[in-house]
Amino acid sequence: MLNTDGSSEAKVTRTAACFMGLSHILYLKERVKGTAYAALEVLFLVLIHSRSKSSMIL
């Protein structure tokens, strides 16, 4: 559970910096929003990886 005095803000910020959507899932209990953010990040990473492979061919 998050404290309302602001002491949990650093914990949420660190997890959000590590993986987008993780703090929504773990701490804020916003599972739908967290899953959407996580899926977007995975998609973004896959697209970056596939583009870097295709640019090496050219």
N, C-alpha and C. Protein backbone atom coordinates (compact mmCIF):
# COMPACT_ATOMS: atom_id res chain seq x y z
N MET A 1 0.85 -1.19 0.00
CA MET A 1 0.00 0.00 0.00
C MET A 1 0.88 1.23 0.00
N LEU A 2 0.46 2.24 -0.73
CA LEU A 2 1.22 3.49 -0.82
C LEU A 2 0.85 4.43 0.32
N ASN A 3 1.86 5.10 0.83
CA ASN A 3 1.62 6.10 1.87
C ASN A 3 1.15 7.40 1.22
N THR A 4 0.24 8.08 1.89
CA THR A 4 -0.29 9.32 1.33
C THR A 4 0.58 10.52 1.66
N ASP A 5 1.64 10.34 2.43
CA ASP A 5 2.49 11.46 2.80
C ASP A 5 3.58 11.76 1.77
N GLY A 6 3.63 11.02 0.67
CA GLY A 6 4.59 11.28 -0.38
C GLY A 6 5.86 10.46 -0.28
N SER A 7 6.01 9.65 0.75
CA SER A 7 7.23 8.86 0.91
C SER A 7 7.33 7.73 -0.11
N SER A 8 6.23 7.34 -0.71
CA SER A 8 6.24 6.27 -1.71
C SER A 8 6.53 6.79 -3.11
N GLU A 9 6.62 8.09 -3.27
CA GLU A 9 6.81 8.66 -4.60
C GLU A 9 8.13 8.19 -5.23
N ALA A 10 9.19 8.10 -4.45
CA ALA A 10 10.48 7.65 -4.99
C ALA A 10 10.41 6.20 -5.46
N LYS A 11 9.70 5.37 -4.72
CA LYS A 11 9.57 3.96 -5.09
C LYS A 11 8.80 3.83 -6.41
N VAL A 12 7.74 4.57 -6.56
CA VAL A 12 6.95 4.54 -7.79
C VAL A 12 7.77 5.08 -8.95
N THR A 13 8.50 6.15 -8.73
CA THR A 13 9.30 6.75 -9.80
C THR A 13 10.40 5.81 -10.26
N ARG A 14 11.06 5.12 -9.32
CA ARG A 14 12.12 4.17 -9.70
C ARG A 14 11.57 3.03 -10.54
N THR A 15 10.45 2.46 -10.14
CA THR A 15 9.91 1.34 -10.91
C THR A 15 9.41 1.79 -12.27
N ALA A 16 8.86 2.99 -12.35
CA ALA A 16 8.41 3.51 -13.63
C ALA A 16 9.59 3.76 -14.57
N ALA A 17 10.72 4.16 -14.01
CA ALA A 17 11.91 4.39 -14.82
C ALA A 17 12.50 3.08 -15.33
N CYS A 18 12.37 2.02 -14.56
CA CYS A 18 12.90 0.72 -14.98
C CYS A 18 12.07 0.11 -16.09
N PHE A 19 10.77 0.13 -15.94
CA PHE A 19 9.89 -0.47 -16.94
C PHE A 19 8.56 0.26 -16.92
N MET A 20 8.19 0.84 -18.04
CA MET A 20 6.97 1.61 -18.12
C MET A 20 5.76 0.71 -17.82
N GLY A 21 4.93 1.10 -16.92
CA GLY A 21 3.75 0.33 -16.55
C GLY A 21 3.92 -0.51 -15.31
N LEU A 22 5.17 -0.74 -14.89
CA LEU A 22 5.41 -1.60 -13.74
C LEU A 22 4.85 -1.00 -12.45
N SER A 23 5.03 0.29 -12.26
CA SER A 23 4.51 0.91 -11.04
C SER A 23 2.98 0.94 -11.04
N HIS A 24 2.37 1.04 -12.22
CA HIS A 24 0.91 0.98 -12.28
C HIS A 24 0.41 -0.39 -11.84
N ILE A 25 1.11 -1.42 -12.24
CA ILE A 25 0.69 -2.78 -11.91
C ILE A 25 0.98 -3.11 -10.45
N LEU A 26 2.20 -2.79 -9.98
CA LEU A 26 2.61 -3.21 -8.64
C LEU A 26 2.05 -2.33 -7.53
N TYR A 27 2.14 -1.03 -7.67
CA TYR A 27 1.85 -0.13 -6.55
C TYR A 27 0.51 0.59 -6.68
N LEU A 28 0.17 1.03 -7.88
CA LEU A 28 -1.04 1.83 -8.03
C LEU A 28 -2.28 0.98 -8.26
N LYS A 29 -2.08 -0.31 -8.51
CA LYS A 29 -3.17 -1.27 -8.72
C LYS A 29 -4.07 -0.89 -9.90
N GLU A 30 -3.46 -0.26 -10.90
CA GLU A 30 -4.15 0.06 -12.14
C GLU A 30 -3.68 -0.93 -13.19
N ARG A 31 -4.23 -2.13 -13.12
CA ARG A 31 -3.73 -3.23 -13.94
C ARG A 31 -3.96 -3.02 -15.44
N VAL A 32 -5.09 -2.48 -15.83
CA VAL A 32 -5.37 -2.29 -17.26
C VAL A 32 -4.41 -1.25 -17.84
N LYS A 33 -4.26 -0.12 -17.17
CA LYS A 33 -3.36 0.93 -17.65
C LYS A 33 -1.91 0.43 -17.64
N GLY A 34 -1.51 -0.27 -16.59
CA GLY A 34 -0.15 -0.80 -16.51
C GLY A 34 0.14 -1.81 -17.60
N THR A 35 -0.82 -2.67 -17.88
CA THR A 35 -0.65 -3.66 -18.95
C THR A 35 -0.55 -2.98 -20.30
N ALA A 36 -1.34 -1.94 -20.52
CA ALA A 36 -1.28 -1.20 -21.78
C ALA A 36 0.08 -0.52 -21.95
N TYR A 37 0.56 0.12 -20.90
CA TYR A 37 1.88 0.76 -20.97
C TYR A 37 2.99 -0.27 -21.19
N ALA A 38 2.90 -1.39 -20.51
CA ALA A 38 3.92 -2.43 -20.67
C ALA A 38 3.90 -2.99 -22.10
N ALA A 39 2.72 -3.20 -22.65
CA ALA A 39 2.62 -3.70 -24.02
C ALA A 39 3.19 -2.70 -25.02
N LEU A 40 2.93 -1.41 -24.79
CA LEU A 40 3.50 -0.39 -25.66
C LEU A 40 5.02 -0.38 -25.59
N GLU A 41 5.57 -0.54 -24.40
CA GLU A 41 7.02 -0.54 -24.28
C GLU A 41 7.63 -1.75 -24.97
N VAL A 42 7.03 -2.91 -24.80
CA VAL A 42 7.54 -4.11 -25.46
C VAL A 42 7.46 -3.95 -26.97
N LEU A 43 6.36 -3.43 -27.48
CA LEU A 43 6.21 -3.19 -28.91
C LEU A 43 7.27 -2.22 -29.41
N PHE A 44 7.50 -1.15 -28.67
CA PHE A 44 8.51 -0.17 -29.03
C PHE A 44 9.89 -0.81 -29.09
N LEU A 45 10.23 -1.63 -28.09
CA LEU A 45 11.53 -2.28 -28.08
C LEU A 45 11.69 -3.26 -29.23
N VAL A 46 10.64 -3.96 -29.57
CA VAL A 46 10.69 -4.90 -30.70
C VAL A 46 10.89 -4.14 -32.00
N LEU A 47 10.17 -3.03 -32.17
CA LEU A 47 10.32 -2.24 -33.40
C LEU A 47 11.72 -1.64 -33.52
N ILE A 48 12.27 -1.17 -32.41
CA ILE A 48 13.63 -0.63 -32.44
C ILE A 48 14.62 -1.73 -32.82
N HIS A 49 14.44 -2.89 -32.25
CA HIS A 49 15.34 -4.01 -32.54
C HIS A 49 15.24 -4.41 -34.02
N SER A 50 14.03 -4.50 -34.55
CA SER A 50 13.87 -4.91 -35.95
C SER A 50 14.41 -3.84 -36.90
N ARG A 51 14.25 -2.56 -36.55
CA ARG A 51 14.79 -1.49 -37.39
C ARG A 51 16.31 -1.48 -37.36
N SER A 52 16.90 -1.78 -36.22
CA SER A 52 18.36 -1.77 -36.15
C SER A 52 18.93 -2.93 -36.97
N LYS A 53 18.23 -4.05 -37.01
CA LYS A 53 18.69 -5.16 -37.84
C LYS A 53 18.58 -4.82 -39.32
N SER A 54 17.49 -4.17 -39.74
CA SER A 54 17.31 -3.86 -41.15
C SER A 54 18.26 -2.75 -41.60
N SER A 55 18.65 -1.84 -40.71
CA SER A 55 19.58 -0.79 -41.10
C SER A 55 21.00 -1.33 -41.23
N MET A 56 21.30 -2.44 -40.58
CA MET A 56 22.62 -3.05 -40.72
C MET A 56 22.78 -3.70 -42.08
N ILE A 57 21.67 -4.12 -42.67
CA ILE A 57 21.70 -4.78 -43.99
C ILE A 57 22.01 -3.74 -45.07
N LEU A 58 21.47 -2.55 -44.92
CA LEU A 58 21.64 -1.51 -45.95
C LEU A 58 22.98 -0.95 -45.93
